[in-house]
Amino acid sequence: MNKPNALTISRMIIAPLFLMSILPDYRGHFLVAVLLFSAGALTDALDGRLARKTNQVTVFGKLLDPVADKMLTTAALLAFMKLGWCSVWVLMIILTREFAVTSVRLIAASQDVVIPANIFGKIKTATQMIFSILIMILAHMQEEYGLFDKIKYIHLTQLSNALLWTTAVFAGVSGIIYIVQSKKLIDFKK
């Protein structure tokens, strides 16, 4: 197994470890969770670049990289929903987009067509990871220092939901663009 694929696999392992770290209530659990999630996000930034730079791009990596991304980001959304920081509708929009895009990718692959990711999809993934890290840092600061107790008009739940709704909008837009692009490139009648 090459290094880029090992990084992808590590992200898949980090996803359940992240859930195991964030959900139990113990001192510092948000800090542990943000460190694990950040490590996973870092592997996402590195694996594709490393594969291209070292000419180690594989079918395995192409297929599993997006799965690993979805595992990590979905783990965060599930945890946030359990903690009351994420609307079920945000999760529904993002997961619907992921299932739709994955389905289109499978159809395209069966016809030997590659549909490149669009900028909105990349923004969606980046904002989802950055906002997830920010939310956990703020949760840690609330737990340790009572950050939101000192702010009158905003709470962690409101801020978290606002950030995640932003991600959901990017998810919806990128999904629609991806499907529209795919209609020009693949035959849905086959």
Protein backbone atom coordinates (compact mmCIF):
# COMPACT_ATOMS: atom_id res chain seq x y z
CA MET A 1 0.00 0.00 0.00
CA ASN A 2 1.38 3.40 -0.94
CA LYS A 3 1.53 6.40 1.42
CA PRO A 4 -1.38 8.37 -0.12
CA ASN A 5 -3.68 5.34 0.24
CA ALA A 6 -2.46 4.79 3.80
CA LEU A 7 -3.42 8.40 4.59
CA THR A 8 -6.88 7.79 3.13
CA ILE A 9 -7.30 4.62 5.22
CA SER A 10 -6.14 6.51 8.33
CA ARG A 11 -8.94 9.05 7.76
CA MET A 12 -11.44 6.20 7.67
CA ILE A 13 -10.08 4.94 11.00
CA ILE A 14 -10.09 8.42 12.53
CA ALA A 15 -13.83 8.92 11.83
CA PRO A 16 -15.13 6.43 14.45
CA LEU A 17 -12.33 7.37 16.86
CA PHE A 18 -13.49 10.97 16.55
CA LEU A 19 -17.05 9.95 17.49
CA MET A 20 -15.75 7.91 20.41
CA SER A 21 -13.84 10.95 21.66
CA ILE A 22 -16.48 13.68 21.28
CA LEU A 23 -19.65 12.00 22.55
CA PRO A 24 -18.66 10.83 26.05
CA ASP A 25 -18.69 13.63 28.59
CA TYR A 26 -15.24 13.96 30.13
CA ARG A 27 -13.04 16.97 30.66
CA GLY A 28 -11.24 17.94 27.46
CA HIS A 29 -13.31 15.73 25.14
CA PHE A 30 -13.88 18.58 22.67
CA LEU A 31 -10.15 19.24 22.56
CA VAL A 32 -9.37 15.56 21.92
CA ALA A 33 -12.09 15.48 19.25
CA VAL A 34 -10.81 18.61 17.48
CA LEU A 35 -7.27 17.18 17.42
CA LEU A 36 -8.50 13.91 15.88
CA PHE A 37 -10.75 15.68 13.38
CA SER A 38 -7.93 18.07 12.43
CA ALA A 39 -5.60 15.13 11.85
CA GLY A 40 -8.23 13.60 9.57
CA ALA A 41 -8.71 16.88 7.72
CA LEU A 42 -4.94 17.13 7.28
CA THR A 43 -4.81 13.67 5.69
CA ASP A 44 -7.47 14.90 3.25
CA ALA A 45 -5.28 17.83 2.29
CA LEU A 46 -2.22 15.63 1.87
CA ASP A 47 -3.23 12.33 0.27
CA GLY A 48 -4.28 13.61 -3.15
CA ARG A 49 -1.38 16.05 -3.45
CA LEU A 50 1.11 13.38 -2.42
CA ALA A 51 -0.38 10.86 -4.88
CA ARG A 52 -0.10 13.32 -7.78
CA LYS A 53 3.37 14.55 -6.80
CA THR A 54 4.84 11.05 -6.46
CA ASN A 55 2.86 9.61 -9.39
CA GLN A 56 1.06 7.17 -7.07
CA VAL A 57 -2.52 7.87 -8.15
CA THR A 58 -4.53 4.63 -7.93
CA VAL A 59 -8.10 3.56 -8.61
CA PHE A 60 -8.22 2.52 -4.94
CA GLY A 61 -7.34 6.07 -3.87
CA LYS A 62 -9.72 7.70 -6.33
CA LEU A 63 -12.61 5.62 -5.03
CA LEU A 64 -11.83 5.64 -1.32
CA ASP A 65 -10.73 9.28 -0.89
CA PRO A 66 -14.27 10.70 -1.21
CA VAL A 67 -15.64 7.88 0.98
CA ALA A 68 -13.11 8.73 3.70
CA ASP A 69 -14.04 12.43 3.44
CA LYS A 70 -17.73 11.61 3.82
CA MET A 71 -17.05 9.32 6.78
CA LEU A 72 -15.18 12.05 8.65
CA THR A 73 -17.53 14.93 7.86
CA THR A 74 -20.65 12.83 8.49
CA ALA A 75 -19.23 11.72 11.84
CA ALA A 76 -18.90 15.39 12.80
CA LEU A 77 -22.44 16.22 11.66
CA LEU A 78 -23.87 13.24 13.56
CA ALA A 79 -22.03 14.25 16.72
CA PHE A 80 -23.14 17.86 16.34
CA MET A 81 -26.74 16.80 15.81
CA LYS A 82 -26.59 14.62 18.94
CA LEU A 83 -25.17 17.58 20.88
CA GLY A 84 -27.89 19.92 19.55
CA TRP A 85 -25.55 21.98 17.36
CA CYS A 86 -26.78 20.83 13.94
CA SER A 87 -30.24 20.91 12.41
CA VAL A 88 -31.47 17.59 11.05
CA TRP A 89 -32.21 19.48 7.80
CA VAL A 90 -28.55 20.44 7.41
CA LEU A 91 -27.62 16.78 7.73
CA MET A 92 -30.38 15.78 5.29
CA ILE A 93 -29.30 18.33 2.65
CA ILE A 94 -25.64 17.37 2.88
CA LEU A 95 -26.25 13.61 2.86
CA THR A 96 -28.75 13.88 -0.02
CA ARG A 97 -26.13 15.78 -2.02
CA GLU A 98 -23.49 13.18 -1.20
CA PHE A 99 -25.70 10.25 -2.23
CA ALA A 100 -26.78 12.00 -5.44
CA VAL A 101 -23.25 12.96 -6.48
CA THR A 102 -21.90 9.50 -5.61
CA SER A 103 -24.65 7.89 -7.70
CA VAL A 104 -23.85 10.12 -10.67
CA ARG A 105 -20.13 9.34 -10.27
CA LEU A 106 -20.88 5.61 -10.36
CA ILE A 107 -22.98 6.00 -13.52
CA ALA A 108 -20.26 8.13 -15.11
CA ALA A 109 -17.55 5.62 -14.14
CA SER A 110 -19.54 2.80 -15.74
CA GLN A 111 -19.43 4.83 -18.99
CA ASP A 112 -15.72 5.69 -18.61
CA VAL A 113 -16.53 9.35 -18.00
CA VAL A 114 -14.88 11.48 -15.33
CA ILE A 115 -16.80 14.52 -14.11
CA PRO A 116 -14.45 16.87 -12.28
CA ALA A 117 -15.40 18.32 -8.92
CA ASN A 118 -16.68 21.89 -9.15
CA ILE A 119 -15.47 24.81 -7.07
CA PHE A 120 -18.63 24.78 -4.92
CA GLY A 121 -17.97 21.16 -3.94
CA LYS A 122 -14.45 22.06 -2.90
CA ILE A 123 -15.74 25.06 -0.96
CA LYS A 124 -18.36 22.83 0.68
CA THR A 125 -15.74 20.34 1.86
CA ALA A 126 -13.35 23.08 3.04
CA THR A 127 -16.05 25.04 4.90
CA GLN A 128 -17.45 21.87 6.43
CA MET A 129 -14.06 20.88 7.81
CA ILE A 130 -13.04 24.39 8.88
CA PHE A 131 -16.41 25.11 10.50
CA SER A 132 -16.38 21.73 12.28
CA ILE A 133 -12.98 22.52 13.76
CA LEU A 134 -14.12 26.02 14.75
CA ILE A 135 -17.29 24.68 16.40
CA MET A 136 -15.30 22.20 18.48
CA ILE A 137 -12.79 24.86 19.52
CA LEU A 138 -15.67 27.12 20.59
CA ALA A 139 -17.28 24.20 22.45
CA HIS A 140 -14.01 23.61 24.29
CA MET A 141 -13.79 27.31 25.15
CA GLN A 142 -17.38 27.23 26.42
CA GLU A 143 -16.72 24.15 28.51
CA GLU A 144 -13.48 25.45 29.98
CA TYR A 145 -14.06 29.20 30.17
CA GLY A 146 -17.81 29.81 29.77
CA LEU A 147 -17.19 31.79 26.58
CA PHE A 148 -20.84 32.08 25.53
CA ASP A 149 -21.99 32.84 29.09
CA LYS A 150 -20.27 36.20 28.62
CA ILE A 151 -21.95 36.95 25.28
CA LYS A 152 -25.59 38.04 25.55
CA TYR A 153 -27.04 37.55 22.10
CA ILE A 154 -25.40 34.47 20.65
CA HIS A 155 -24.98 30.91 21.83
CA LEU A 156 -22.93 28.01 20.54
CA THR A 157 -26.04 26.27 19.17
CA GLN A 158 -27.04 29.30 17.10
CA LEU A 159 -23.54 29.94 15.80
CA SER A 160 -22.96 26.29 14.97
CA ASN A 161 -26.23 26.00 13.08
CA ALA A 162 -25.51 29.20 11.13
CA LEU A 163 -22.09 27.90 10.08
CA LEU A 164 -23.45 24.50 9.13
CA TRP A 165 -26.35 26.01 7.14
CA THR A 166 -23.69 27.86 5.12
CA THR A 167 -22.11 24.50 4.36
CA ALA A 168 -25.52 23.06 3.44
CA VAL A 169 -26.06 25.86 0.92
CA PHE A 170 -22.70 25.12 -0.72
CA ALA A 171 -23.60 21.41 -0.69
CA GLY A 172 -26.91 22.05 -2.43
CA VAL A 173 -25.44 24.40 -5.04
CA SER A 174 -22.49 22.12 -5.78
CA GLY A 175 -24.77 19.09 -6.08
CA ILE A 176 -27.10 20.83 -8.52
CA ILE A 177 -24.17 22.06 -10.64
CA TYR A 178 -22.61 18.59 -10.63
CA ILE A 179 -25.84 16.93 -11.78
CA VAL A 180 -26.42 19.57 -14.49
CA GLN A 181 -22.83 19.08 -15.75
CA SER A 182 -23.31 15.32 -15.75
CA LYS A 183 -26.32 15.51 -18.08
CA LYS A 184 -24.01 16.83 -20.79
CA LEU A 185 -21.41 14.11 -20.27
CA ILE A 186 -23.20 10.83 -19.55
CA ASP A 187 -26.13 8.92 -20.95
CA PHE A 188 -28.77 8.38 -18.27
CA LYS A 189 -30.76 6.09 -20.60
CA LYS A 190 -28.26 3.25 -20.37
